[in-house]
N, C-alpha and C. Protein backbone atom coordinates (compact mmCIF):
# COMPACT_ATOMS: atom_id res chain seq x y z
N MET A 1 -16.47 18.28 -3.75
CA MET A 1 -15.10 18.04 -4.19
C MET A 1 -14.46 16.98 -3.16
N GLU A 2 -14.86 17.03 -1.90
CA GLU A 2 -14.37 16.15 -0.92
C GLU A 2 -14.64 14.71 -1.24
N ARG A 3 -15.91 14.48 -1.69
CA ARG A 3 -16.41 13.13 -2.05
C ARG A 3 -15.63 12.56 -3.25
N TYR A 4 -15.29 13.48 -4.23
CA TYR A 4 -14.48 13.01 -5.40
C TYR A 4 -13.10 12.61 -4.92
N ALA A 5 -12.48 13.34 -4.10
CA ALA A 5 -11.13 13.04 -3.63
C ALA A 5 -11.24 11.62 -2.91
N GLU A 6 -12.25 11.44 -2.07
CA GLU A 6 -12.41 10.20 -1.30
C GLU A 6 -12.54 8.99 -2.27
N GLN A 7 -13.31 9.22 -3.27
CA GLN A 7 -13.57 8.18 -4.26
C GLN A 7 -12.34 7.85 -5.02
N GLU A 8 -11.54 8.92 -5.41
CA GLU A 8 -10.30 8.70 -6.11
C GLU A 8 -9.31 7.93 -5.20
N ASN A 9 -9.26 8.33 -3.96
CA ASN A 9 -8.42 7.57 -3.05
C ASN A 9 -8.77 6.06 -2.95
N ARG A 10 -10.05 5.87 -2.88
CA ARG A 10 -10.51 4.42 -2.79
C ARG A 10 -10.14 3.65 -4.02
N THR A 11 -10.18 4.32 -5.15
CA THR A 11 -9.80 3.70 -6.45
C THR A 11 -8.30 3.37 -6.46
N TYR A 12 -7.52 4.35 -5.99
CA TYR A 12 -6.04 4.12 -5.89
C TYR A 12 -5.74 2.99 -4.92
N VAL A 13 -6.32 3.11 -3.73
CA VAL A 13 -6.04 1.95 -2.76
C VAL A 13 -6.48 0.64 -3.29
N GLY A 14 -7.53 0.58 -3.98
CA GLY A 14 -8.00 -0.73 -4.57
C GLY A 14 -6.94 -1.22 -5.59
N LEU A 15 -6.38 -0.31 -6.31
CA LEU A 15 -5.33 -0.65 -7.36
C LEU A 15 -4.14 -1.10 -6.57
N VAL A 16 -3.71 -0.39 -5.49
CA VAL A 16 -2.57 -0.81 -4.69
C VAL A 16 -2.81 -2.24 -4.12
N GLU A 17 -3.97 -2.46 -3.57
CA GLU A 17 -4.33 -3.78 -3.01
C GLU A 17 -4.17 -4.86 -3.99
N ALA A 18 -4.70 -4.69 -5.29
CA ALA A 18 -4.67 -5.68 -6.21
C ALA A 18 -3.25 -5.98 -6.67
N PHE A 19 -2.47 -4.98 -6.92
CA PHE A 19 -1.04 -5.14 -7.35
C PHE A 19 -0.15 -5.79 -6.28
N THR A 20 -0.37 -5.31 -5.06
CA THR A 20 0.49 -5.78 -3.99
C THR A 20 0.10 -7.22 -3.65
N ALA A 21 -1.20 -7.53 -3.61
CA ALA A 21 -1.61 -8.92 -3.28
C ALA A 21 -1.06 -9.89 -4.33
N HIS A 22 -1.15 -9.48 -5.58
CA HIS A 22 -0.60 -10.38 -6.65
C HIS A 22 0.94 -10.47 -6.50
N ALA A 23 1.66 -9.38 -6.24
CA ALA A 23 3.11 -9.42 -6.18
C ALA A 23 3.53 -10.31 -5.00
N TYR A 24 2.77 -10.37 -3.93
CA TYR A 24 3.18 -11.16 -2.73
C TYR A 24 2.49 -12.53 -2.69
N GLY A 25 1.57 -12.76 -3.68
CA GLY A 25 0.90 -14.09 -3.70
C GLY A 25 -0.01 -14.32 -2.57
N VAL A 26 -0.72 -13.24 -2.13
CA VAL A 26 -1.73 -13.39 -1.06
C VAL A 26 -3.05 -12.86 -1.57
N PRO A 27 -4.16 -13.40 -1.04
CA PRO A 27 -5.49 -12.91 -1.51
C PRO A 27 -5.64 -11.49 -0.90
N VAL A 28 -6.35 -10.68 -1.71
CA VAL A 28 -6.63 -9.25 -1.35
C VAL A 28 -7.32 -9.21 0.01
N ARG A 29 -8.22 -10.10 0.31
CA ARG A 29 -8.94 -10.17 1.58
C ARG A 29 -7.99 -10.19 2.78
N LYS A 30 -6.86 -10.81 2.60
CA LYS A 30 -5.86 -10.92 3.64
C LYS A 30 -5.27 -9.51 4.06
N LEU A 31 -5.28 -8.62 3.10
CA LEU A 31 -4.65 -7.31 3.42
C LEU A 31 -5.56 -6.52 4.32
N LYS A 32 -6.82 -6.83 4.43
CA LYS A 32 -7.69 -6.08 5.29
C LYS A 32 -8.14 -6.91 6.46
N ALA A 33 -7.55 -8.09 6.62
CA ALA A 33 -7.94 -8.99 7.71
C ALA A 33 -7.68 -8.40 9.08
N ALA A 34 -8.45 -8.68 10.07
CA ALA A 34 -8.35 -8.10 11.38
C ALA A 34 -7.01 -8.54 12.08
N THR A 35 -6.54 -9.74 11.68
CA THR A 35 -5.37 -10.31 12.32
C THR A 35 -4.21 -10.25 11.25
N ARG A 36 -3.00 -10.55 11.72
CA ARG A 36 -1.86 -10.43 10.85
C ARG A 36 -1.79 -11.45 9.76
N LEU A 37 -2.20 -12.66 10.03
CA LEU A 37 -2.31 -13.81 9.11
C LEU A 37 -0.91 -14.19 8.54
N GLY A 38 0.08 -14.09 9.33
CA GLY A 38 1.43 -14.53 8.93
C GLY A 38 2.33 -13.49 8.35
N PRO A 39 3.64 -13.73 8.24
CA PRO A 39 4.55 -12.72 7.85
C PRO A 39 4.39 -12.24 6.43
N ARG A 40 3.97 -13.17 5.51
CA ARG A 40 3.81 -12.75 4.04
C ARG A 40 2.67 -11.75 3.97
N ALA A 41 1.53 -12.00 4.62
CA ALA A 41 0.38 -11.13 4.58
C ALA A 41 0.70 -9.81 5.25
N SER A 42 1.39 -9.87 6.39
CA SER A 42 1.78 -8.64 7.09
C SER A 42 2.66 -7.75 6.23
N ARG A 43 3.69 -8.37 5.65
CA ARG A 43 4.60 -7.55 4.84
C ARG A 43 3.89 -7.01 3.62
N ALA A 44 2.99 -7.78 3.01
CA ALA A 44 2.17 -7.30 1.86
C ALA A 44 1.32 -6.07 2.29
N ARG A 45 0.71 -6.19 3.40
CA ARG A 45 -0.14 -5.14 3.96
C ARG A 45 0.67 -3.86 4.23
N GLN A 46 1.93 -3.98 4.80
CA GLN A 46 2.73 -2.81 5.10
C GLN A 46 3.15 -2.23 3.75
N VAL A 47 3.56 -2.98 2.81
CA VAL A 47 3.92 -2.49 1.49
C VAL A 47 2.75 -1.76 0.84
N ALA A 48 1.56 -2.30 0.90
CA ALA A 48 0.37 -1.69 0.33
C ALA A 48 0.12 -0.37 1.02
N MET A 49 0.23 -0.30 2.31
CA MET A 49 -0.07 0.98 2.99
C MET A 49 1.00 2.04 2.57
N TYR A 50 2.23 1.60 2.45
CA TYR A 50 3.24 2.47 2.03
C TYR A 50 3.05 3.00 0.67
N LEU A 51 2.68 2.08 -0.25
CA LEU A 51 2.49 2.52 -1.70
C LEU A 51 1.27 3.45 -1.83
N ALA A 52 0.22 3.16 -1.08
CA ALA A 52 -0.94 4.09 -1.18
C ALA A 52 -0.60 5.53 -0.70
N HIS A 53 0.20 5.56 0.33
CA HIS A 53 0.61 6.89 0.84
C HIS A 53 1.70 7.53 -0.01
N VAL A 54 2.74 6.84 -0.46
CA VAL A 54 3.81 7.45 -1.12
C VAL A 54 3.54 7.68 -2.66
N VAL A 55 2.94 6.72 -3.28
CA VAL A 55 2.71 6.77 -4.72
C VAL A 55 1.46 7.73 -5.03
N PHE A 56 0.41 7.57 -4.26
CA PHE A 56 -0.79 8.28 -4.54
C PHE A 56 -1.11 9.46 -3.59
N GLY A 57 -0.31 9.57 -2.52
CA GLY A 57 -0.44 10.75 -1.61
C GLY A 57 -1.63 10.56 -0.78
N VAL A 58 -2.22 9.40 -0.51
CA VAL A 58 -3.29 9.17 0.37
C VAL A 58 -2.83 9.45 1.81
N LYS A 59 -3.62 10.31 2.65
CA LYS A 59 -3.20 10.56 3.95
C LYS A 59 -3.16 9.31 4.84
N LEU A 60 -2.22 9.32 5.68
CA LEU A 60 -2.02 8.14 6.57
C LEU A 60 -3.29 7.79 7.31
N VAL A 61 -4.04 8.75 7.79
CA VAL A 61 -5.29 8.42 8.49
C VAL A 61 -6.30 7.80 7.62
N ASP A 62 -6.31 8.16 6.29
CA ASP A 62 -7.21 7.51 5.37
C ASP A 62 -6.71 6.12 4.98
N VAL A 63 -5.43 5.99 4.81
CA VAL A 63 -4.85 4.63 4.56
C VAL A 63 -5.20 3.75 5.73
N ALA A 64 -5.03 4.18 6.93
CA ALA A 64 -5.43 3.39 8.16
C ALA A 64 -6.94 2.95 8.07
N GLU A 65 -7.74 3.85 7.69
CA GLU A 65 -9.17 3.57 7.60
C GLU A 65 -9.45 2.42 6.58
N TYR A 66 -8.83 2.61 5.40
CA TYR A 66 -9.01 1.64 4.34
C TYR A 66 -8.55 0.24 4.69
N PHE A 67 -7.45 0.18 5.44
CA PHE A 67 -6.87 -1.09 5.79
C PHE A 67 -7.36 -1.58 7.19
N ARG A 68 -8.27 -0.82 7.82
CA ARG A 68 -8.88 -1.21 9.09
C ARG A 68 -7.84 -1.33 10.15
N ARG A 69 -6.90 -0.35 10.17
CA ARG A 69 -5.79 -0.29 11.10
C ARG A 69 -5.76 1.01 11.86
N ASP A 70 -5.10 1.10 12.91
CA ASP A 70 -4.89 2.22 13.72
C ASP A 70 -3.87 3.19 12.93
N PRO A 71 -4.06 4.50 12.94
CA PRO A 71 -3.11 5.33 12.22
C PRO A 71 -1.66 5.16 12.71
N SER A 72 -1.38 4.82 13.91
CA SER A 72 -0.02 4.61 14.43
C SER A 72 0.52 3.39 13.78
N THR A 73 -0.27 2.35 13.48
CA THR A 73 0.13 1.15 12.79
C THR A 73 0.52 1.46 11.42
N THR A 74 -0.24 2.24 10.75
CA THR A 74 0.04 2.67 9.35
C THR A 74 1.38 3.46 9.27
N SER A 75 1.52 4.42 10.21
CA SER A 75 2.70 5.19 10.29
C SER A 75 3.94 4.24 10.47
N TYR A 76 3.85 3.35 11.35
CA TYR A 76 4.91 2.34 11.55
C TYR A 76 5.19 1.55 10.29
N ALA A 77 4.14 1.18 9.54
CA ALA A 77 4.29 0.39 8.33
C ALA A 77 5.10 1.17 7.37
N VAL A 78 4.75 2.45 7.23
CA VAL A 78 5.46 3.28 6.21
C VAL A 78 6.96 3.39 6.58
N ARG A 79 7.21 3.70 7.87
CA ARG A 79 8.61 3.79 8.30
C ARG A 79 9.34 2.49 8.10
N ARG A 80 8.67 1.40 8.38
CA ARG A 80 9.31 0.06 8.26
C ARG A 80 9.79 -0.17 6.80
N VAL A 81 8.86 0.02 5.86
CA VAL A 81 9.11 -0.16 4.46
C VAL A 81 10.22 0.77 4.03
N GLU A 82 10.16 2.00 4.46
CA GLU A 82 11.28 2.92 4.10
C GLU A 82 12.65 2.31 4.54
N GLY A 83 12.66 1.80 5.75
CA GLY A 83 13.88 1.14 6.24
C GLY A 83 14.33 -0.12 5.45
N LEU A 84 13.32 -0.83 4.97
CA LEU A 84 13.61 -1.98 4.14
C LEU A 84 14.18 -1.70 2.78
N ARG A 85 14.01 -0.46 2.35
CA ARG A 85 14.50 -0.06 1.07
C ARG A 85 16.04 -0.04 0.94
N ASP A 86 16.71 -0.11 2.09
CA ASP A 86 18.13 -0.32 2.13
C ASP A 86 18.62 -1.59 1.40
N ASP A 87 17.74 -2.56 1.36
CA ASP A 87 18.04 -3.78 0.69
C ASP A 87 17.82 -3.62 -0.81
N PRO A 88 18.90 -3.69 -1.63
CA PRO A 88 18.77 -3.34 -3.06
C PRO A 88 17.70 -4.20 -3.76
N GLU A 89 17.60 -5.49 -3.43
CA GLU A 89 16.58 -6.37 -4.08
C GLU A 89 15.19 -5.89 -3.74
N PHE A 90 14.92 -5.56 -2.49
CA PHE A 90 13.63 -5.03 -2.07
C PHE A 90 13.34 -3.70 -2.70
N ASP A 91 14.37 -2.89 -2.78
CA ASP A 91 14.21 -1.57 -3.40
C ASP A 91 13.83 -1.65 -4.82
N ARG A 92 14.47 -2.52 -5.60
CA ARG A 92 14.20 -2.76 -7.02
C ARG A 92 12.73 -3.26 -7.15
N ALA A 93 12.28 -4.16 -6.34
CA ALA A 93 10.93 -4.68 -6.42
C ALA A 93 9.86 -3.49 -6.13
N LEU A 94 10.22 -2.69 -5.14
CA LEU A 94 9.37 -1.62 -4.83
C LEU A 94 9.36 -0.57 -5.95
N ASP A 95 10.49 -0.27 -6.48
CA ASP A 95 10.53 0.68 -7.63
C ASP A 95 9.66 0.14 -8.80
N TRP A 96 9.67 -1.23 -9.04
CA TRP A 96 8.86 -1.77 -10.09
C TRP A 96 7.39 -1.61 -9.81
N LEU A 97 6.95 -1.95 -8.53
CA LEU A 97 5.63 -1.74 -8.12
C LEU A 97 5.16 -0.43 -8.22
N GLU A 98 5.95 0.54 -7.85
CA GLU A 98 5.56 2.02 -7.92
C GLU A 98 5.42 2.43 -9.35
N ALA A 99 6.33 2.04 -10.20
CA ALA A 99 6.18 2.38 -11.70
C ALA A 99 5.00 1.74 -12.25
N ALA A 100 4.67 0.44 -11.91
CA ALA A 100 3.55 -0.23 -12.42
C ALA A 100 2.18 0.45 -12.05
N LEU A 101 2.20 0.83 -10.77
CA LEU A 101 1.02 1.47 -10.20
C LEU A 101 0.75 2.82 -10.91
N ARG A 102 1.89 3.63 -11.02
CA ARG A 102 1.68 4.93 -11.74
C ARG A 102 1.27 4.74 -13.16
N ASP A 103 1.81 3.81 -13.80
CA ASP A 103 1.48 3.52 -15.21
C ASP A 103 -0.01 3.09 -15.28
N ALA A 104 -0.45 2.18 -14.44
CA ALA A 104 -1.81 1.71 -14.44
C ALA A 104 -2.83 2.84 -14.14
N ALA A 105 -2.44 3.73 -13.29
CA ALA A 105 -3.31 4.85 -12.87
C ALA A 105 -3.12 6.02 -13.85
N GLY A 106 -2.16 6.02 -14.68
CA GLY A 106 -1.93 7.16 -15.56
C GLY A 106 -1.46 8.38 -14.92
N THR A 107 -0.67 8.22 -13.81
CA THR A 107 -0.14 9.34 -13.13
C THR A 107 1.36 9.48 -13.40
N PRO A 108 1.85 10.71 -13.43
CA PRO A 108 3.28 10.89 -13.71
C PRO A 108 4.17 10.41 -12.60
N ALA A 109 5.40 10.06 -12.97
CA ALA A 109 6.40 9.53 -12.00
C ALA A 109 6.89 10.61 -11.01
């Protein structure tokens, strides 16, 4: 059962990577790069980590592993994105991404 959950999480994270990279106009490979690669790639990575955790319930430690980051970095990313949701435009964009991901994965809202 554990392997199935891990595979399902990888599928969800892959979906999040593809949607987020497209939305931010960055290549997927930049989301897993060892360095920040500029503000656009960094923000896209933070959003992707947030979405994987919030939309699909992937544990932060697993999100960190998938994105090749330290768990504390992933935790910071989630908190950072939550703080950015105070901006109505950013919040609408994130709502759209969340809905699109749930729809693509066939999961309820």
